[in-house]
């Protein structure tokens, strides 16, 4: 099976649109600085990227998740998180919210999901988690649309 060609390489994107790149990075930094658990946000980013089919973002965020020490079992079962039995109530609420915001046209953002989210997160955390989900969806659209080639895989967590 042949791989589709890259339309615009990731490094070319960062060079051709430096202010766009800087803006996206700044939003990510703001989310990180808000204090959300980085392991949780990486799980969310990988899941959203799986839904959107963004190979670049899947591999990029798997690499980060492994470096942060996210359990391999959770990474292995992420696509089936609802039935896996290994995700905390907090992780499940975040993943459900992420899926709903990623599939807005078919799922919407229901009050029930929002209430489940509020039971696990503070109002500030809900805000920044929502921003993080919006941001990874933006990155996915860039990665899929421009066909960014996936970065090399990191297969084990590193100290």
C-alpha atoms as a PDB file:
ATOM      1  CA  UNK A   1       0.000   0.000   0.000  1.00  0.00           C
ATOM      2  CA  UNK A   2       1.473   3.347  -0.930  1.00  0.00           C
ATOM      3  CA  UNK A   3       1.426   6.303   1.425  1.00  0.00           C
ATOM      4  CA  UNK A   4      -0.172   9.520   0.214  1.00  0.00           C
ATOM      5  CA  UNK A   5       2.366  12.219  -0.415  1.00  0.00           C
ATOM      6  CA  UNK A   6       2.858  15.086   1.982  1.00  0.00           C
ATOM      7  CA  UNK A   7       1.204  18.211   0.624  1.00  0.00           C
ATOM      8  CA  UNK A   8       3.057  20.680   2.827  1.00  0.00           C
ATOM      9  CA  UNK A   9       5.662  19.370   5.261  1.00  0.00           C
ATOM     10  CA  UNK A  10       5.257  20.229   8.959  1.00  0.00           C
ATOM     11  CA  UNK A  11       8.556  22.121   9.039  1.00  0.00           C
ATOM     12  CA  UNK A  12       7.559  24.045   5.907  1.00  0.00           C
ATOM     13  CA  UNK A  13       4.254  24.940   7.587  1.00  0.00           C
ATOM     14  CA  UNK A  14       6.082  26.334  10.622  1.00  0.00           C
ATOM     15  CA  UNK A  15       8.352  28.393   8.342  1.00  0.00           C
ATOM     16  CA  UNK A  16       5.683  29.633   5.915  1.00  0.00           C
ATOM     17  CA  UNK A  17       3.162  30.544   8.610  1.00  0.00           C
ATOM     18  CA  UNK A  18       5.256  31.451  11.654  1.00  0.00           C
ATOM     19  CA  UNK A  19       2.611  33.648  13.243  1.00  0.00           C
ATOM     20  CA  UNK A  20      -0.037  30.924  12.881  1.00  0.00           C
ATOM     21  CA  UNK A  21       2.345  28.359  14.344  1.00  0.00           C
ATOM     22  CA  UNK A  22       3.287  30.718  17.193  1.00  0.00           C
ATOM     23  CA  UNK A  23      -0.380  31.382  17.946  1.00  0.00           C
ATOM     24  CA  UNK A  24      -1.225  27.689  18.118  1.00  0.00           C
ATOM     25  CA  UNK A  25       1.804  27.018  20.320  1.00  0.00           C
ATOM     26  CA  UNK A  26       0.805  29.932  22.583  1.00  0.00           C
ATOM     27  CA  UNK A  27      -2.661  28.450  23.078  1.00  0.00           C
ATOM     28  CA  UNK A  28      -1.085  25.086  23.941  1.00  0.00           C
ATOM     29  CA  UNK A  29       1.248  26.775  26.413  1.00  0.00           C
ATOM     30  CA  UNK A  30      -1.685  28.563  28.048  1.00  0.00           C
ATOM     31  CA  UNK A  31      -3.491  25.241  28.490  1.00  0.00           C
ATOM     32  CA  UNK A  32      -0.352  23.617  29.910  1.00  0.00           C
ATOM     33  CA  UNK A  33       0.182  26.552  32.294  1.00  0.00           C
ATOM     34  CA  UNK A  34      -3.425  26.264  33.524  1.00  0.00           C
ATOM     35  CA  UNK A  35      -2.413  23.157  35.452  1.00  0.00           C
ATOM     36  CA  UNK A  36      -4.392  20.378  33.770  1.00  0.00           C
ATOM     37  CA  UNK A  37      -2.824  16.962  34.226  1.00  0.00           C
ATOM     38  CA  UNK A  38      -0.580  16.543  31.164  1.00  0.00           C
ATOM     39  CA  UNK A  39      -1.157  12.764  31.096  1.00  0.00           C
ATOM     40  CA  UNK A  40      -4.897  13.392  30.837  1.00  0.00           C
ATOM     41  CA  UNK A  41      -4.550  16.004  28.116  1.00  0.00           C
ATOM     42  CA  UNK A  42      -2.299  13.712  26.085  1.00  0.00           C
ATOM     43  CA  UNK A  43      -4.870  10.904  26.315  1.00  0.00           C
ATOM     44  CA  UNK A  44      -7.483  13.351  25.039  1.00  0.00           C
ATOM     45  CA  UNK A  45      -5.225  14.558  22.220  1.00  0.00           C
ATOM     46  CA  UNK A  46      -4.465  11.027  21.080  1.00  0.00           C
ATOM     47  CA  UNK A  47      -8.154  10.058  21.161  1.00  0.00           C
ATOM     48  CA  UNK A  48      -9.292  13.108  19.210  1.00  0.00           C
ATOM     49  CA  UNK A  49      -6.508  12.511  16.693  1.00  0.00           C
ATOM     50  CA  UNK A  50      -7.624   8.883  16.313  1.00  0.00           C
ATOM     51  CA  UNK A  51     -11.167  10.027  15.560  1.00  0.00           C
ATOM     52  CA  UNK A  52      -9.930  12.581  13.028  1.00  0.00           C
ATOM     53  CA  UNK A  53      -7.439  10.171  11.434  1.00  0.00           C
ATOM     54  CA  UNK A  54      -4.432  12.448  11.892  1.00  0.00           C
ATOM     55  CA  UNK A  55      -1.411  10.134  11.765  1.00  0.00           C
ATOM     56  CA  UNK A  56       1.002  12.998  12.525  1.00  0.00           C
ATOM     57  CA  UNK A  57      -0.863  14.037  15.693  1.00  0.00           C
ATOM     58  CA  UNK A  58      -1.491  10.462  16.838  1.00  0.00           C
ATOM     59  CA  UNK A  59       2.211   9.642  16.714  1.00  0.00           C
ATOM     60  CA  UNK A  60       3.294  13.039  18.072  1.00  0.00           C
ATOM     61  CA  UNK A  61       1.031  12.777  21.122  1.00  0.00           C
ATOM     62  CA  UNK A  62       1.731   9.070  21.675  1.00  0.00           C
ATOM     63  CA  UNK A  63       5.394  10.032  21.891  1.00  0.00           C
ATOM     64  CA  UNK A  64       4.655  12.713  24.475  1.00  0.00           C
ATOM     65  CA  UNK A  65       2.318  10.419  26.435  1.00  0.00           C
ATOM     66  CA  UNK A  66       5.015   7.748  26.613  1.00  0.00           C
ATOM     67  CA  UNK A  67       7.585  10.307  27.752  1.00  0.00           C
ATOM     68  CA  UNK A  68       5.179  11.414  30.503  1.00  0.00           C
ATOM     69  CA  UNK A  69       4.745   7.813  31.642  1.00  0.00           C
ATOM     70  CA  UNK A  70       1.138   7.240  30.578  1.00  0.00           C
ATOM     71  CA  UNK A  71       0.434   3.557  31.126  1.00  0.00           C
ATOM     72  CA  UNK A  72       0.912   1.467  27.981  1.00  0.00           C
ATOM     73  CA  UNK A  73      -2.360  -0.335  28.761  1.00  0.00           C
ATOM     74  CA  UNK A  74      -4.280   2.935  28.565  1.00  0.00           C
ATOM     75  CA  UNK A  75      -2.615   3.859  25.280  1.00  0.00           C
ATOM     76  CA  UNK A  76      -3.341   0.388  23.900  1.00  0.00           C
ATOM     77  CA  UNK A  77      -7.023   0.527  24.890  1.00  0.00           C
ATOM     78  CA  UNK A  78      -7.715   4.192  24.203  1.00  0.00           C
ATOM     79  CA  UNK A  79      -9.804   3.600  21.085  1.00  0.00           C
ATOM     80  CA  UNK A  80     -12.083   1.362  23.169  1.00  0.00           C
ATOM     81  CA  UNK A  81     -11.964   3.400  26.379  1.00  0.00           C
ATOM     82  CA  UNK A  82     -15.709   3.077  27.080  1.00  0.00           C
ATOM     83  CA  UNK A  83     -15.442  -0.692  27.555  1.00  0.00           C
ATOM     84  CA  UNK A  84     -11.825  -0.991  28.721  1.00  0.00           C
ATOM     85  CA  UNK A  85     -12.396  -0.650  32.460  1.00  0.00           C
ATOM     86  CA  UNK A  86      -8.983   0.953  33.014  1.00  0.00           C
ATOM     87  CA  UNK A  87      -9.846   4.652  32.800  1.00  0.00           C
ATOM     88  CA  UNK A  88     -10.747   6.740  35.851  1.00  0.00           C
ATOM     89  CA  UNK A  89     -14.062   8.577  36.093  1.00  0.00           C
ATOM     90  CA  UNK A  90     -12.166  11.805  35.424  1.00  0.00           C
ATOM     91  CA  UNK A  91     -10.528  10.372  32.302  1.00  0.00           C
ATOM     92  CA  UNK A  92     -13.843   8.977  31.087  1.00  0.00           C
ATOM     93  CA  UNK A  93     -15.574  12.347  31.500  1.00  0.00           C
ATOM     94  CA  UNK A  94     -12.766  14.100  29.610  1.00  0.00           C
ATOM     95  CA  UNK A  95     -12.753  11.522  26.807  1.00  0.00           C
ATOM     96  CA  UNK A  96     -16.537  11.645  26.435  1.00  0.00           C
ATOM     97  CA  UNK A  97     -16.412  15.452  26.252  1.00  0.00           C
ATOM     98  CA  UNK A  98     -13.569  15.292  23.722  1.00  0.00           C
ATOM     99  CA  UNK A  99     -15.479  12.872  21.512  1.00  0.00           C
ATOM    100  CA  UNK A 100     -18.610  15.003  21.632  1.00  0.00           C
ATOM    101  CA  UNK A 101     -16.757  18.183  20.678  1.00  0.00           C
ATOM    102  CA  UNK A 102     -14.926  16.360  17.899  1.00  0.00           C
ATOM    103  CA  UNK A 103     -18.168  14.978  16.441  1.00  0.00           C
ATOM    104  CA  UNK A 104     -20.280  18.116  16.876  1.00  0.00           C
ATOM    105  CA  UNK A 105     -22.300  17.525  13.722  1.00  0.00           C
ATOM    106  CA  UNK A 106     -23.487  14.104  14.854  1.00  0.00           C
ATOM    107  CA  UNK A 107     -23.250  14.186  18.651  1.00  0.00           C
ATOM    108  CA  UNK A 108     -23.345  17.775  19.824  1.00  0.00           C
ATOM    109  CA  UNK A 109     -22.302  18.833  23.318  1.00  0.00           C
ATOM    110  CA  UNK A 110     -25.114  17.555  25.513  1.00  0.00           C
ATOM    111  CA  UNK A 111     -26.028  18.876  28.928  1.00  0.00           C
ATOM    112  CA  UNK A 112     -25.605  15.362  30.340  1.00  0.00           C
ATOM    113  CA  UNK A 113     -21.996  15.163  29.170  1.00  0.00           C
ATOM    114  CA  UNK A 114     -21.315  18.664  30.462  1.00  0.00           C
ATOM    115  CA  UNK A 115     -22.789  17.778  33.862  1.00  0.00           C
ATOM    116  CA  UNK A 116     -20.625  14.644  34.024  1.00  0.00           C
ATOM    117  CA  UNK A 117     -17.634  16.817  33.197  1.00  0.00           C
ATOM    118  CA  UNK A 118     -18.537  19.322  35.923  1.00  0.00           C
ATOM    119  CA  UNK A 119     -18.682  16.475  38.453  1.00  0.00           C
ATOM    120  CA  UNK A 120     -15.005  15.729  37.763  1.00  0.00           C
ATOM    121  CA  UNK A 121     -13.482  19.114  36.907  1.00  0.00           C
ATOM    122  CA  UNK A 122     -13.526  22.657  38.222  1.00  0.00           C
ATOM    123  CA  UNK A 123     -14.999  25.362  36.020  1.00  0.00           C
ATOM    124  CA  UNK A 124     -11.487  26.553  35.081  1.00  0.00           C
ATOM    125  CA  UNK A 125     -10.440  22.991  34.230  1.00  0.00           C
ATOM    126  CA  UNK A 126     -13.554  22.548  32.054  1.00  0.00           C
ATOM    127  CA  UNK A 127     -12.651  25.745  30.221  1.00  0.00           C
ATOM    128  CA  UNK A 128      -9.046  24.761  29.552  1.00  0.00           C
ATOM    129  CA  UNK A 129      -9.922  21.169  28.676  1.00  0.00           C
ATOM    130  CA  UNK A 130     -12.407  22.513  26.134  1.00  0.00           C
ATOM    131  CA  UNK A 131      -9.743  24.831  24.709  1.00  0.00           C
ATOM    132  CA  UNK A 132      -7.312  21.914  24.512  1.00  0.00           C
ATOM    133  CA  UNK A 133      -9.881  19.836  22.604  1.00  0.00           C
ATOM    134  CA  UNK A 134     -10.535  22.703  20.209  1.00  0.00           C
ATOM    135  CA  UNK A 135      -6.811  23.157  19.666  1.00  0.00           C
ATOM    136  CA  UNK A 136      -6.094  19.498  18.871  1.00  0.00           C
ATOM    137  CA  UNK A 137      -9.008  19.502  16.449  1.00  0.00           C
ATOM    138  CA  UNK A 138      -7.386  22.492  14.715  1.00  0.00           C
ATOM    139  CA  UNK A 139      -4.014  20.723  14.578  1.00  0.00           C
ATOM    140  CA  UNK A 140      -5.742  17.602  13.197  1.00  0.00           C
ATOM    141  CA  UNK A 141      -7.311  19.568  10.386  1.00  0.00           C
ATOM    142  CA  UNK A 142      -3.926  21.016   9.480  1.00  0.00           C
ATOM    143  CA  UNK A 143      -2.195  17.637   9.748  1.00  0.00           C
ATOM    144  CA  UNK A 144      -4.789  15.781   7.687  1.00  0.00           C
ATOM    145  CA  UNK A 145      -5.342  18.556   5.156  1.00  0.00           C
ATOM    146  CA  UNK A 146      -1.638  19.129   4.541  1.00  0.00           C
ATOM    147  CA  UNK A 147      -0.727  15.466   5.126  1.00  0.00           C
ATOM    148  CA  UNK A 148       2.026  16.047   7.652  1.00  0.00           C
ATOM    149  CA  UNK A 149       4.215  12.942   7.776  1.00  0.00           C
ATOM    150  CA  UNK A 150       4.184  11.281  11.225  1.00  0.00           C
ATOM    151  CA  UNK A 151       7.279  11.830  13.357  1.00  0.00           C
ATOM    152  CA  UNK A 152       9.405   8.839  14.339  1.00  0.00           C
ATOM    153  CA  UNK A 153       7.880   6.695  17.090  1.00  0.00           C
ATOM    154  CA  UNK A 154       9.184   6.542  20.615  1.00  0.00           C
ATOM    155  CA  UNK A 155       8.398   3.004  21.713  1.00  0.00           C
ATOM    156  CA  UNK A 156       9.178   3.219  25.413  1.00  0.00           C
ATOM    157  CA  UNK A 157       9.033   5.869  28.076  1.00  0.00           C
ATOM    158  CA  UNK A 158      12.323   7.624  28.633  1.00  0.00           C
ATOM    159  CA  UNK A 159      13.553   9.009  31.946  1.00  0.00           C
END
